[in-house]
N, C-alpha and C. Protein backbone atom coordinates (compact mmCIF):
# COMPACT_ATOMS: atom_id res chain seq x y z
N MET A 1 73.80 49.19 161.05
CA MET A 1 74.61 50.38 160.86
C MET A 1 73.70 51.54 160.52
N LYS A 2 73.76 52.58 161.30
CA LYS A 2 72.97 53.78 161.00
C LYS A 2 73.79 54.66 160.07
N THR A 3 73.24 54.90 158.90
CA THR A 3 74.01 55.61 157.88
C THR A 3 73.47 56.99 157.60
N TYR A 4 72.21 57.22 157.85
CA TYR A 4 71.59 58.47 157.45
C TYR A 4 70.99 59.18 158.65
N GLN A 5 71.03 60.49 158.63
CA GLN A 5 70.44 61.28 159.69
C GLN A 5 69.58 62.37 159.09
N ARG A 6 68.72 62.92 159.90
CA ARG A 6 67.85 64.00 159.46
C ARG A 6 68.12 65.20 160.35
N LYS A 7 68.33 66.35 159.73
CA LYS A 7 68.60 67.57 160.48
C LYS A 7 67.61 68.63 160.01
N GLY A 8 66.58 68.87 160.80
CA GLY A 8 65.56 69.83 160.40
C GLY A 8 64.82 69.32 159.18
N SER A 9 64.71 70.18 158.18
CA SER A 9 64.02 69.78 156.95
C SER A 9 64.99 69.22 155.91
N ASP A 10 66.30 69.34 156.17
CA ASP A 10 67.30 68.84 155.23
C ASP A 10 67.84 67.50 155.70
N SER A 11 67.93 66.55 154.80
CA SER A 11 68.48 65.25 155.14
C SER A 11 69.96 65.23 154.80
N LEU A 12 70.70 64.51 155.62
CA LEU A 12 72.15 64.40 155.44
C LEU A 12 72.51 62.99 155.00
N LEU A 13 73.55 62.90 154.21
CA LEU A 13 74.10 61.63 153.78
C LEU A 13 75.50 61.54 154.34
N ILE A 14 75.76 60.56 155.20
CA ILE A 14 77.08 60.40 155.79
C ILE A 14 77.95 59.66 154.78
N ILE A 15 79.05 60.27 154.36
CA ILE A 15 79.90 59.64 153.36
C ILE A 15 81.20 59.12 153.94
N ASN A 16 81.51 59.45 155.20
CA ASN A 16 82.70 58.91 155.83
C ASN A 16 82.44 58.81 157.33
N HIS A 17 82.37 57.58 157.83
CA HIS A 17 82.04 57.37 159.24
C HIS A 17 83.17 57.78 160.17
N LYS A 18 84.41 57.62 159.73
CA LYS A 18 85.55 57.92 160.61
C LYS A 18 85.69 59.41 160.87
N THR A 19 85.50 60.21 159.85
CA THR A 19 85.64 61.66 160.02
C THR A 19 84.30 62.36 160.14
N SER A 20 83.21 61.60 160.12
CA SER A 20 81.84 62.14 160.18
C SER A 20 81.60 63.16 159.08
N ARG A 21 82.11 62.89 157.90
CA ARG A 21 81.91 63.77 156.74
C ARG A 21 80.48 63.61 156.25
N LYS A 22 79.75 64.70 156.11
CA LYS A 22 78.35 64.67 155.70
C LYS A 22 78.10 65.65 154.57
N VAL A 23 77.11 65.34 153.74
CA VAL A 23 76.67 66.25 152.69
C VAL A 23 75.15 66.30 152.71
N LEU A 24 74.61 67.41 152.25
CA LEU A 24 73.16 67.53 152.11
C LEU A 24 72.72 66.76 150.87
N ILE A 25 71.64 66.03 150.99
CA ILE A 25 71.17 65.22 149.86
C ILE A 25 70.75 66.10 148.69
N LYS A 26 70.24 67.29 148.98
CA LYS A 26 69.82 68.16 147.89
C LYS A 26 71.01 68.66 147.05
N ASP A 27 72.25 68.53 147.54
CA ASP A 27 73.44 68.93 146.80
C ASP A 27 74.02 67.82 145.94
N VAL A 28 73.48 66.61 146.05
CA VAL A 28 73.98 65.47 145.27
C VAL A 28 73.34 65.49 143.89
N ILE A 29 74.17 65.54 142.84
CA ILE A 29 73.66 65.55 141.47
C ILE A 29 73.39 64.12 141.01
N PHE A 30 74.38 63.25 141.15
CA PHE A 30 74.19 61.84 140.85
C PHE A 30 75.29 61.00 141.48
N LEU A 31 75.06 59.70 141.53
CA LEU A 31 76.04 58.74 142.01
C LEU A 31 76.37 57.82 140.85
N LYS A 32 77.65 57.53 140.71
CA LYS A 32 78.09 56.62 139.66
C LYS A 32 78.78 55.44 140.33
N GLY A 33 78.32 54.25 140.02
CA GLY A 33 78.87 53.04 140.62
C GLY A 33 79.95 52.41 139.77
N ASN A 34 80.94 51.84 140.47
CA ASN A 34 82.02 51.12 139.81
C ASN A 34 82.39 49.95 140.71
N ILE A 35 81.84 48.79 140.43
CA ILE A 35 82.00 47.55 141.20
C ILE A 35 81.61 47.79 142.66
N ASN A 36 82.53 47.82 143.61
CA ASN A 36 82.19 48.00 145.03
C ASN A 36 82.40 49.42 145.52
N TYR A 37 82.55 50.36 144.63
CA TYR A 37 82.73 51.76 145.00
C TYR A 37 81.69 52.62 144.29
N SER A 38 81.40 53.76 144.86
CA SER A 38 80.49 54.73 144.26
C SER A 38 81.14 56.09 144.33
N THR A 39 80.94 56.87 143.28
CA THR A 39 81.42 58.24 143.26
C THR A 39 80.21 59.16 143.32
N VAL A 40 80.24 60.08 144.27
CA VAL A 40 79.16 61.05 144.44
C VAL A 40 79.58 62.34 143.76
N TYR A 41 78.77 62.83 142.85
CA TYR A 41 79.02 64.10 142.16
C TYR A 41 78.15 65.16 142.83
N LEU A 42 78.81 66.17 143.40
CA LEU A 42 78.12 67.20 144.16
C LEU A 42 78.03 68.50 143.37
N GLU A 43 77.09 69.33 143.80
CA GLU A 43 76.96 70.66 143.22
C GLU A 43 78.24 71.44 143.52
N GLY A 44 78.72 72.19 142.57
CA GLY A 44 79.97 72.92 142.74
C GLY A 44 81.16 72.19 142.15
N GLY A 45 80.94 71.01 141.57
CA GLY A 45 82.00 70.29 140.89
C GLY A 45 82.79 69.33 141.75
N LYS A 46 82.49 69.20 143.02
CA LYS A 46 83.23 68.29 143.89
C LYS A 46 82.74 66.85 143.70
N THR A 47 83.66 65.91 143.90
CA THR A 47 83.31 64.50 143.87
C THR A 47 83.86 63.83 145.11
N LYS A 48 83.19 62.79 145.55
CA LYS A 48 83.62 62.01 146.72
C LYS A 48 83.51 60.54 146.37
N MET A 49 84.57 59.79 146.70
CA MET A 49 84.58 58.35 146.47
C MET A 49 84.10 57.65 147.75
N LEU A 50 83.14 56.71 147.59
CA LEU A 50 82.58 55.98 148.71
C LEU A 50 82.87 54.50 148.54
N SER A 51 83.04 53.80 149.64
CA SER A 51 83.38 52.38 149.57
C SER A 51 82.15 51.49 149.76
N HIS A 52 81.03 51.89 149.18
CA HIS A 52 79.82 51.09 149.17
C HIS A 52 79.25 51.05 147.76
N THR A 53 78.44 50.04 147.49
CA THR A 53 77.81 49.93 146.18
C THR A 53 76.62 50.88 146.09
N LEU A 54 76.12 51.08 144.88
CA LEU A 54 74.93 51.92 144.70
C LEU A 54 73.71 51.33 145.40
N LYS A 55 73.64 50.02 145.44
CA LYS A 55 72.49 49.37 146.08
C LYS A 55 72.40 49.74 147.56
N PHE A 56 73.53 49.97 148.20
CA PHE A 56 73.57 50.36 149.60
C PHE A 56 72.84 51.69 149.81
N TYR A 57 72.99 52.63 148.86
CA TYR A 57 72.39 53.95 148.97
C TYR A 57 71.02 54.05 148.28
N GLU A 58 70.73 53.11 147.39
CA GLU A 58 69.53 53.22 146.55
C GLU A 58 68.22 53.29 147.33
N GLU A 59 68.02 52.43 148.29
CA GLU A 59 66.74 52.39 149.00
C GLU A 59 66.46 53.72 149.71
N PHE A 60 67.47 54.28 150.35
CA PHE A 60 67.27 55.55 151.06
C PHE A 60 67.10 56.71 150.09
N LEU A 61 67.94 56.78 149.06
CA LEU A 61 67.89 57.92 148.14
C LEU A 61 66.64 57.90 147.26
N CYS A 62 66.10 56.74 146.97
CA CYS A 62 64.86 56.67 146.18
C CYS A 62 63.69 57.29 146.93
N THR A 63 63.73 57.27 148.25
CA THR A 63 62.67 57.93 149.02
C THR A 63 62.80 59.45 148.94
N HIS A 64 63.95 59.94 148.49
CA HIS A 64 64.18 61.37 148.30
C HIS A 64 64.06 61.78 146.84
N GLY A 65 63.54 60.87 146.00
CA GLY A 65 63.26 61.20 144.61
C GLY A 65 64.33 60.79 143.62
N PHE A 66 65.41 60.17 144.05
CA PHE A 66 66.46 59.75 143.12
C PHE A 66 65.95 58.59 142.26
N LEU A 67 66.48 58.49 141.04
CA LEU A 67 66.05 57.46 140.09
C LEU A 67 67.24 56.59 139.70
N ARG A 68 67.04 55.29 139.71
CA ARG A 68 68.07 54.35 139.25
C ARG A 68 67.80 54.13 137.76
N VAL A 69 68.62 54.71 136.89
CA VAL A 69 68.39 54.64 135.45
C VAL A 69 69.31 53.64 134.76
N HIS A 70 70.30 53.14 135.48
CA HIS A 70 71.27 52.21 134.92
C HIS A 70 71.93 51.50 136.09
N ARG A 71 72.57 50.38 135.84
CA ARG A 71 73.22 49.69 136.96
C ARG A 71 74.35 50.52 137.54
N ALA A 72 74.83 51.51 136.78
CA ALA A 72 75.94 52.34 137.24
C ALA A 72 75.53 53.76 137.61
N PHE A 73 74.26 54.12 137.47
CA PHE A 73 73.85 55.51 137.72
C PHE A 73 72.60 55.60 138.60
N LEU A 74 72.67 56.49 139.57
CA LEU A 74 71.55 56.86 140.42
C LEU A 74 71.50 58.38 140.38
N ILE A 75 70.45 58.93 139.73
CA ILE A 75 70.44 60.37 139.45
C ILE A 75 69.41 61.11 140.28
N ASN A 76 69.66 62.39 140.46
CA ASN A 76 68.72 63.31 141.11
C ASN A 76 67.97 64.03 140.00
N PRO A 77 66.66 63.80 139.84
CA PRO A 77 65.92 64.39 138.72
C PRO A 77 65.85 65.92 138.77
N ASN A 78 66.16 66.52 139.90
CA ASN A 78 66.17 67.98 140.00
C ASN A 78 67.31 68.59 139.20
N TYR A 79 68.32 67.79 138.86
CA TYR A 79 69.48 68.29 138.12
C TYR A 79 69.51 67.82 136.67
N VAL A 80 68.42 67.21 136.19
CA VAL A 80 68.36 66.77 134.80
C VAL A 80 68.13 67.99 133.91
N MET A 81 69.01 68.14 132.92
CA MET A 81 68.88 69.26 132.00
C MET A 81 68.16 68.83 130.73
N GLU A 82 68.48 67.63 130.24
CA GLU A 82 67.91 67.17 128.98
C GLU A 82 67.88 65.65 128.95
N TYR A 83 66.82 65.11 128.36
CA TYR A 83 66.69 63.67 128.17
C TYR A 83 66.63 63.38 126.68
N CYS A 84 67.61 62.65 126.17
CA CYS A 84 67.67 62.30 124.75
C CYS A 84 67.24 60.85 124.59
N GLU A 85 66.02 60.67 124.07
CA GLU A 85 65.46 59.33 123.93
C GLU A 85 66.19 58.49 122.89
N GLU A 86 66.64 59.13 121.81
CA GLU A 86 67.30 58.39 120.73
C GLU A 86 68.63 57.79 121.19
N LYS A 87 69.40 58.56 121.93
CA LYS A 87 70.71 58.09 122.40
C LYS A 87 70.62 57.38 123.75
N GLU A 88 69.44 57.41 124.37
CA GLU A 88 69.22 56.82 125.69
C GLU A 88 70.21 57.39 126.71
N VAL A 89 70.24 58.73 126.78
CA VAL A 89 71.17 59.44 127.65
C VAL A 89 70.44 60.57 128.36
N VAL A 90 70.81 60.81 129.60
CA VAL A 90 70.31 61.95 130.36
C VAL A 90 71.48 62.90 130.57
N LYS A 91 71.30 64.17 130.20
CA LYS A 91 72.33 65.17 130.41
C LYS A 91 72.03 65.91 131.70
N MET A 92 73.02 65.96 132.56
CA MET A 92 72.85 66.60 133.86
C MET A 92 73.34 68.05 133.78
N LYS A 93 72.96 68.87 134.76
CA LYS A 93 73.31 70.29 134.76
C LYS A 93 74.80 70.54 134.92
N ASN A 94 75.55 69.57 135.44
CA ASN A 94 76.98 69.76 135.59
C ASN A 94 77.76 69.35 134.34
N GLY A 95 77.05 68.95 133.28
CA GLY A 95 77.69 68.60 132.02
C GLY A 95 77.92 67.12 131.82
N HIS A 96 77.75 66.31 132.83
CA HIS A 96 77.95 64.86 132.71
C HIS A 96 76.71 64.22 132.07
N GLU A 97 76.92 63.05 131.52
CA GLU A 97 75.83 62.29 130.92
C GLU A 97 75.69 60.95 131.64
N ALA A 98 74.46 60.52 131.83
CA ALA A 98 74.18 59.23 132.44
C ALA A 98 73.42 58.38 131.43
N ASN A 99 73.92 57.18 131.19
CA ASN A 99 73.25 56.25 130.27
C ASN A 99 71.99 55.70 130.91
N ILE A 100 71.03 55.36 130.06
CA ILE A 100 69.79 54.74 130.53
C ILE A 100 69.73 53.34 129.93
N SER A 101 69.52 52.35 130.78
CA SER A 101 69.46 50.98 130.29
C SER A 101 68.12 50.73 129.60
N ARG A 102 68.07 49.72 128.78
CA ARG A 102 66.85 49.39 128.05
C ARG A 102 65.70 49.08 128.99
N ARG A 103 65.98 48.40 130.06
CA ARG A 103 64.93 47.98 130.98
C ARG A 103 64.44 49.09 131.90
N ARG A 104 65.16 50.18 131.96
CA ARG A 104 64.77 51.27 132.85
C ARG A 104 64.30 52.52 132.10
N LYS A 105 63.97 52.37 130.84
CA LYS A 105 63.45 53.50 130.06
C LYS A 105 62.16 54.04 130.65
N GLY A 106 61.33 53.18 131.21
CA GLY A 106 60.06 53.58 131.77
C GLY A 106 60.20 54.55 132.95
N VAL A 107 61.35 54.54 133.61
CA VAL A 107 61.60 55.43 134.73
C VAL A 107 61.63 56.88 134.26
N MET A 108 62.03 57.11 133.03
CA MET A 108 62.21 58.47 132.51
C MET A 108 60.96 59.04 131.85
N LYS A 109 59.85 58.35 131.92
CA LYS A 109 58.60 58.91 131.35
C LYS A 109 58.22 60.14 132.11
N GLY A 110 57.86 61.19 131.41
CA GLY A 110 57.48 62.43 132.04
C GLY A 110 58.54 63.52 131.89
N PHE A 111 59.70 63.15 131.33
CA PHE A 111 60.75 64.15 131.11
C PHE A 111 60.71 64.68 129.71
């Protein structure tokens, strides 16, 4: 299944095959997983529900700089506003918080 396309210098993420709904990867703030579904949080406050797990998107998005910080979160580091080491939380520019698991603390070094 071909899921991703490249258009010029911007990469696209296809989020609905039936309607060919696409978003620019640079507009994705983070993905939140919930069992077999993922919610994509986009710039501008929009969200999209996807019927795939985070693992389905992880390999491709990690090549674009996304970080898997928890089993339920895949974040875009360009939208990180603050990293709180004591609470093990990353605050994103849209106001949401993403938890960081104990085993993935090393991913956040440098923030």
